[in-house]
């Protein structure tokens, strides 16, 4: 898969849908303190199970490298965005 360069990444805060149809809200971007890699900070908008399977929560925070967040993945042999912006 082709990965976008950091210079062309513009990941806006708002609602996004993962290619597996799960909803998320992007809070913003951040830099890794050691590598300066651009990361996306986002929150699940569905109930998730944490480290302890008995604890379910909505709103779990996640981070992912921005390049990975913005890349396409293959679904049924076709490239689709890993995350698709839905709006604010």
N, C-alpha and C. Protein backbone atom coordinates (compact mmCIF):
# COMPACT_ATOMS: atom_id res chain seq x y z
N UNK A 1 0.84 -1.19 0.00
CA UNK A 1 0.00 0.00 0.00
C UNK A 1 0.88 1.24 0.00
N UNK A 2 0.42 2.25 -0.69
CA UNK A 2 1.15 3.51 -0.69
C UNK A 2 0.82 4.29 0.57
N UNK A 3 1.85 4.79 1.21
CA UNK A 3 1.66 5.56 2.44
C UNK A 3 1.92 7.03 2.15
N UNK A 4 1.00 7.91 2.56
CA UNK A 4 1.21 9.34 2.29
C UNK A 4 2.39 9.87 3.11
N UNK A 5 3.08 10.86 2.54
CA UNK A 5 4.16 11.47 3.29
C UNK A 5 3.57 12.43 4.31
N UNK A 6 4.32 12.65 5.38
CA UNK A 6 3.82 13.50 6.45
C UNK A 6 3.53 14.91 5.95
N UNK A 7 4.28 15.37 4.96
CA UNK A 7 4.09 16.73 4.45
C UNK A 7 2.70 16.94 3.86
N UNK A 8 2.05 15.90 3.37
CA UNK A 8 0.73 16.07 2.74
C UNK A 8 -0.42 15.63 3.66
N UNK A 9 -0.08 15.21 4.86
CA UNK A 9 -1.13 14.77 5.78
C UNK A 9 -1.84 15.96 6.40
N UNK A 10 -3.15 15.94 6.33
CA UNK A 10 -3.96 16.92 7.03
C UNK A 10 -5.13 16.15 7.63
N UNK A 11 -4.97 15.76 8.86
CA UNK A 11 -6.00 14.97 9.53
C UNK A 11 -6.73 15.90 10.48
N UNK A 12 -7.95 16.23 10.11
CA UNK A 12 -8.75 17.19 10.87
C UNK A 12 -9.50 16.49 11.99
N UNK A 13 -9.70 17.18 13.10
CA UNK A 13 -10.57 16.64 14.15
C UNK A 13 -11.98 16.42 13.59
N UNK A 14 -12.69 15.47 14.16
CA UNK A 14 -14.05 15.19 13.73
C UNK A 14 -14.37 13.72 13.81
N UNK A 15 -15.53 13.36 13.26
CA UNK A 15 -15.98 11.97 13.27
C UNK A 15 -15.42 11.23 12.06
N UNK A 16 -14.99 10.00 12.30
CA UNK A 16 -14.43 9.15 11.24
C UNK A 16 -15.04 7.76 11.36
N UNK A 17 -15.02 7.05 10.25
CA UNK A 17 -15.46 5.66 10.26
C UNK A 17 -14.30 4.79 9.80
N UNK A 18 -13.98 3.79 10.60
CA UNK A 18 -12.94 2.82 10.27
C UNK A 18 -13.48 1.92 9.16
N UNK A 19 -12.60 1.37 8.35
CA UNK A 19 -13.07 0.52 7.25
C UNK A 19 -13.84 -0.70 7.71
N UNK A 20 -13.73 -1.05 9.00
CA UNK A 20 -14.53 -2.16 9.55
C UNK A 20 -15.84 -1.64 10.14
N UNK A 21 -16.21 -0.41 9.79
CA UNK A 21 -17.48 0.24 10.15
C UNK A 21 -17.59 0.67 11.61
N UNK A 22 -16.48 0.82 12.30
CA UNK A 22 -16.52 1.29 13.68
C UNK A 22 -16.35 2.81 13.72
N UNK A 23 -17.13 3.51 14.58
CA UNK A 23 -17.05 4.97 14.63
C UNK A 23 -16.00 5.47 15.63
N UNK A 24 -15.32 6.54 15.24
CA UNK A 24 -14.31 7.17 16.08
C UNK A 24 -14.41 8.68 15.97
N UNK A 25 -13.83 9.37 16.94
CA UNK A 25 -13.69 10.83 16.88
C UNK A 25 -12.20 11.15 16.99
N UNK A 26 -11.69 11.85 15.98
CA UNK A 26 -10.30 12.32 16.04
C UNK A 26 -10.27 13.55 16.92
N UNK A 27 -9.42 13.51 17.93
CA UNK A 27 -9.26 14.63 18.85
C UNK A 27 -8.24 15.60 18.29
N UNK A 28 -7.18 15.07 17.72
CA UNK A 28 -6.14 15.92 17.13
C UNK A 28 -4.92 15.10 16.83
N UNK A 29 -3.82 15.81 16.57
CA UNK A 29 -2.55 15.15 16.31
C UNK A 29 -1.55 15.52 17.40
N UNK A 30 -0.53 14.71 17.53
CA UNK A 30 0.52 14.92 18.53
C UNK A 30 1.83 14.43 17.95
N UNK A 31 2.92 14.76 18.61
CA UNK A 31 4.25 14.29 18.21
C UNK A 31 4.79 13.31 19.24
N UNK A 32 5.41 12.26 18.75
CA UNK A 32 6.10 11.32 19.64
C UNK A 32 7.30 12.07 20.22
N UNK A 33 7.47 12.01 21.52
CA UNK A 33 8.51 12.80 22.19
C UNK A 33 9.93 12.40 21.83
N UNK A 34 10.14 11.17 21.40
CA UNK A 34 11.49 10.71 21.07
C UNK A 34 11.78 10.78 19.57
N UNK A 35 10.80 10.38 18.76
CA UNK A 35 11.05 10.28 17.31
C UNK A 35 10.49 11.45 16.52
N UNK A 36 9.64 12.26 17.15
CA UNK A 36 8.95 13.38 16.50
C UNK A 36 7.97 12.92 15.42
N UNK A 37 7.65 11.63 15.39
CA UNK A 37 6.67 11.10 14.44
C UNK A 37 5.30 11.71 14.74
N UNK A 38 4.58 12.06 13.69
CA UNK A 38 3.23 12.61 13.82
C UNK A 38 2.25 11.47 14.13
N UNK A 39 1.47 11.63 15.20
CA UNK A 39 0.51 10.63 15.64
C UNK A 39 -0.89 11.22 15.64
N UNK A 40 -1.90 10.38 15.44
CA UNK A 40 -3.29 10.80 15.53
C UNK A 40 -3.84 10.29 16.86
N UNK A 41 -4.50 11.19 17.59
CA UNK A 41 -5.14 10.83 18.86
C UNK A 41 -6.63 10.74 18.57
N UNK A 42 -7.22 9.57 18.81
CA UNK A 42 -8.63 9.39 18.50
C UNK A 42 -9.33 8.57 19.56
N UNK A 43 -10.65 8.65 19.57
CA UNK A 43 -11.47 8.07 20.63
C UNK A 43 -12.54 7.19 20.03
N UNK A 44 -12.74 6.03 20.63
CA UNK A 44 -13.80 5.15 20.15
C UNK A 44 -15.15 5.73 20.54
N UNK A 45 -16.12 5.58 19.66
CA UNK A 45 -17.49 6.03 19.92
C UNK A 45 -18.42 4.83 20.06
N UNK A 46 -17.85 3.71 20.47
CA UNK A 46 -18.61 2.48 20.67
C UNK A 46 -18.06 1.82 21.94
N UNK A 47 -18.79 0.89 22.46
CA UNK A 47 -18.37 0.20 23.68
C UNK A 47 -17.22 -0.74 23.38
N UNK A 48 -16.15 -0.62 24.16
CA UNK A 48 -14.98 -1.48 23.98
C UNK A 48 -14.68 -2.20 25.28
N UNK A 49 -13.97 -3.29 25.16
CA UNK A 49 -13.50 -4.02 26.34
C UNK A 49 -12.05 -3.66 26.54
N UNK A 50 -11.71 -3.24 27.74
CA UNK A 50 -10.34 -2.86 28.06
C UNK A 50 -9.47 -4.07 28.33
N UNK A 51 -8.38 -3.84 29.02
CA UNK A 51 -7.45 -4.91 29.36
C UNK A 51 -8.16 -5.97 30.19
N UNK A 52 -9.01 -5.53 31.09
CA UNK A 52 -9.81 -6.44 31.90
C UNK A 52 -11.11 -6.70 31.14
N UNK A 53 -11.34 -7.92 30.64
CA UNK A 53 -12.54 -8.20 29.83
C UNK A 53 -13.86 -7.87 30.51
N UNK A 54 -13.86 -7.76 31.84
CA UNK A 54 -15.11 -7.45 32.53
C UNK A 54 -15.39 -5.95 32.55
N UNK A 55 -14.42 -5.12 32.12
CA UNK A 55 -14.63 -3.68 32.12
C UNK A 55 -14.92 -3.19 30.71
N UNK A 56 -16.12 -2.73 30.50
CA UNK A 56 -16.49 -2.20 29.19
C UNK A 56 -16.60 -0.70 29.30
N UNK A 57 -16.12 -0.01 28.27
CA UNK A 57 -16.13 1.44 28.30
C UNK A 57 -16.35 2.01 26.91
N UNK A 58 -16.95 3.17 26.85
CA UNK A 58 -17.06 3.92 25.61
C UNK A 58 -16.10 5.08 25.74
N UNK A 59 -15.45 5.43 24.67
CA UNK A 59 -14.57 6.59 24.70
C UNK A 59 -13.11 6.28 24.97
N UNK A 60 -12.70 5.04 24.75
CA UNK A 60 -11.31 4.67 24.94
C UNK A 60 -10.43 5.46 23.97
N UNK A 61 -9.30 6.00 24.46
CA UNK A 61 -8.40 6.77 23.61
C UNK A 61 -7.37 5.86 22.96
N UNK A 62 -7.04 6.21 21.71
CA UNK A 62 -6.07 5.46 20.93
C UNK A 62 -5.13 6.44 20.25
N UNK A 63 -3.94 5.96 19.89
CA UNK A 63 -3.02 6.73 19.04
C UNK A 63 -2.53 5.81 17.94
N UNK A 64 -2.26 6.41 16.80
CA UNK A 64 -1.79 5.64 15.65
C UNK A 64 -0.92 6.59 14.83
N UNK A 65 0.16 6.10 14.24
CA UNK A 65 0.94 6.96 13.36
C UNK A 65 0.05 7.56 12.27
N UNK A 66 0.22 8.85 12.03
CA UNK A 66 -0.63 9.55 11.06
C UNK A 66 -0.56 8.92 9.67
N UNK A 67 0.62 8.49 9.28
CA UNK A 67 0.75 7.85 7.96
C UNK A 67 -0.12 6.60 7.85
N UNK A 68 -0.15 5.83 8.92
CA UNK A 68 -0.97 4.63 8.93
C UNK A 68 -2.46 4.99 8.97
N UNK A 69 -2.81 5.99 9.76
CA UNK A 69 -4.20 6.44 9.87
C UNK A 69 -4.73 6.85 8.49
N UNK A 70 -3.89 7.52 7.70
CA UNK A 70 -4.33 8.08 6.42
C UNK A 70 -4.17 7.13 5.24
N UNK A 71 -3.59 5.96 5.45
CA UNK A 71 -3.33 5.08 4.32
C UNK A 71 -4.56 4.31 3.87
N UNK A 72 -4.47 3.76 2.68
CA UNK A 72 -5.50 2.86 2.17
C UNK A 72 -5.17 1.43 2.55
N UNK A 73 -6.21 0.62 2.70
CA UNK A 73 -6.06 -0.81 2.94
C UNK A 73 -6.86 -1.54 1.87
N UNK A 74 -6.53 -2.79 1.63
CA UNK A 74 -7.26 -3.58 0.64
C UNK A 74 -8.44 -4.29 1.29
N UNK A 75 -9.61 -4.07 0.73
CA UNK A 75 -10.82 -4.75 1.18
C UNK A 75 -11.44 -5.38 -0.06
N UNK A 76 -11.54 -6.69 -0.07
CA UNK A 76 -12.03 -7.42 -1.24
C UNK A 76 -11.25 -7.04 -2.50
N UNK A 77 -9.94 -6.86 -2.32
CA UNK A 77 -9.06 -6.55 -3.45
C UNK A 77 -9.08 -5.11 -3.92
N UNK A 78 -9.84 -4.24 -3.23
CA UNK A 78 -9.93 -2.84 -3.63
C UNK A 78 -9.37 -1.95 -2.53
N UNK A 79 -8.62 -0.89 -2.92
CA UNK A 79 -8.09 0.02 -1.90
C UNK A 79 -9.20 0.93 -1.36
N UNK A 80 -9.29 1.01 -0.05
CA UNK A 80 -10.24 1.90 0.62
C UNK A 80 -9.50 2.60 1.75
N UNK A 81 -9.94 3.80 2.14
CA UNK A 81 -9.28 4.48 3.26
C UNK A 81 -9.43 3.68 4.55
N UNK A 82 -8.37 3.62 5.33
CA UNK A 82 -8.45 2.96 6.64
C UNK A 82 -9.48 3.69 7.50
N UNK A 83 -9.47 5.03 7.47
CA UNK A 83 -10.43 5.86 8.17
C UNK A 83 -11.00 6.87 7.18
N UNK A 84 -12.31 7.03 7.20
CA UNK A 84 -13.00 7.96 6.31
C UNK A 84 -13.66 9.03 7.17
N UNK A 85 -13.38 10.30 6.86
CA UNK A 85 -13.95 11.40 7.64
C UNK A 85 -15.43 11.54 7.32
N UNK A 86 -16.26 11.64 8.36
CA UNK A 86 -17.70 11.79 8.20
C UNK A 86 -18.16 13.23 8.42
N UNK A 87 -17.42 13.99 9.18
CA UNK A 87 -17.80 15.37 9.48
C UNK A 87 -17.34 15.76 10.86
N UNK A 88 -17.90 16.88 11.33
CA UNK A 88 -17.49 17.40 12.64
C UNK A 88 -18.09 16.69 13.79
